Amino acid sequence: MINENDIAWAAGLFDGEGCATIRKRSPVSKRGEKSTYYTAAIQLKLSSKEAVEKFREVIGCGFLFTEARGKYKLLYECPKLWYLT
């Protein structure tokens, strides 16, 4: 069960190590129609897989990735950095 200490821990971790972004997307459909929308995301990059997993548990969402040679992979190998998006 998540308690206030867990929430405070996650807030402090994100404040120090996290990033929030808003991206503008303007895809063109097969018909040539352009639509614009925005997406919001948070990212946390750490060397501790356990800390990233705990953060994900506290906030209740997210996908865990590793970076391998500039490309992201789902958690199949033991990396130096772990990402939560």
Protein backbone atom coordinates (compact mmCIF):
# COMPACT_ATOMS: atom_id res chain seq x y z
CA MET A 1 0.00 0.00 0.00
CA ILE A 2 1.27 3.47 -0.94
CA ASN A 3 1.60 5.90 1.97
CA GLU A 4 2.50 9.58 2.37
CA ASN A 5 6.19 8.78 2.82
CA ASP A 6 6.23 6.93 -0.52
CA ILE A 7 4.57 9.89 -2.25
CA ALA A 8 7.05 12.33 -0.67
CA TRP A 9 9.95 10.07 -1.72
CA ALA A 10 8.66 9.90 -5.31
CA ALA A 11 8.14 13.68 -5.44
CA GLY A 12 11.68 14.32 -4.24
CA LEU A 13 13.16 11.79 -6.65
CA PHE A 14 11.26 13.28 -9.58
CA ASP A 15 12.21 16.82 -8.55
CA GLY A 16 15.89 15.88 -8.61
CA GLU A 17 16.05 13.32 -11.43
CA GLY A 18 12.85 13.66 -13.46
CA CYS A 19 11.83 15.51 -16.59
CA ALA A 20 8.39 16.59 -17.82
CA THR A 21 7.75 17.34 -21.49
CA ILE A 22 4.90 18.43 -23.73
CA ARG A 23 5.28 17.61 -27.41
CA LYS A 24 3.37 18.99 -30.33
CA ARG A 25 2.44 16.34 -32.88
CA SER A 26 1.23 17.16 -36.39
CA PRO A 27 0.85 13.91 -38.29
CA VAL A 28 -0.45 13.77 -41.84
CA SER A 29 -3.00 11.05 -42.58
CA LYS A 30 -2.99 8.87 -45.68
CA ARG A 31 -5.58 11.25 -47.12
CA GLY A 32 -3.19 14.17 -46.67
CA GLU A 33 -5.12 15.65 -43.76
CA LYS A 34 -3.04 17.21 -41.01
CA SER A 35 -4.17 17.14 -37.40
CA THR A 36 -2.37 18.70 -34.48
CA TYR A 37 -2.40 17.42 -30.93
CA TYR A 38 -0.19 17.52 -27.86
CA THR A 39 1.18 14.75 -25.67
CA ALA A 40 2.53 15.07 -22.15
CA ALA A 41 5.11 12.73 -20.67
CA ILE A 42 7.37 12.35 -17.69
CA GLN A 43 10.73 10.62 -17.72
CA LEU A 44 12.97 9.40 -14.94
CA LYS A 45 16.51 8.21 -15.70
CA LEU A 46 18.47 6.36 -12.99
CA SER A 47 21.09 3.67 -12.63
CA SER A 48 18.97 1.85 -10.00
CA LYS A 49 16.32 -0.38 -11.53
CA GLU A 50 14.78 -0.92 -8.09
CA ALA A 51 14.29 2.83 -7.55
CA VAL A 52 12.65 3.25 -10.96
CA GLU A 53 10.34 0.28 -10.31
CA LYS A 54 9.36 1.69 -6.90
CA PHE A 55 8.66 5.11 -8.46
CA ARG A 56 6.47 3.42 -11.07
CA GLU A 57 4.61 1.56 -8.33
CA VAL A 58 4.02 4.78 -6.37
CA ILE A 59 2.68 6.79 -9.33
CA GLY A 60 0.71 3.85 -10.70
CA CYS A 61 1.75 3.97 -14.36
CA GLY A 62 4.67 3.98 -16.76
CA PHE A 63 6.79 1.79 -19.01
CA LEU A 64 10.28 0.68 -18.08
CA PHE A 65 12.98 0.79 -20.76
CA THR A 66 16.73 0.43 -21.10
CA GLU A 67 18.90 2.25 -23.58
CA ALA A 68 21.06 0.06 -25.78
CA ARG A 69 23.21 1.71 -28.44
CA GLY A 70 20.96 4.74 -28.72
CA LYS A 71 17.76 2.72 -29.09
CA TYR A 72 15.30 1.95 -26.34
CA LYS A 73 14.52 -1.66 -25.42
CA LEU A 74 12.08 -3.07 -22.97
CA LEU A 75 13.82 -4.46 -19.88
CA TYR A 76 15.59 -7.51 -21.27
CA GLU A 77 19.20 -6.74 -20.49
CA CYS A 78 21.12 -5.31 -17.57
CA PRO A 79 21.82 -1.65 -18.46
CA LYS A 80 23.61 1.19 -16.76
CA LEU A 81 20.57 3.48 -16.96
CA TRP A 82 16.88 2.75 -16.54
CA TYR A 83 14.15 4.93 -18.01
CA LEU A 84 10.54 5.32 -17.01
CA THR A 85 8.29 6.96 -19.56
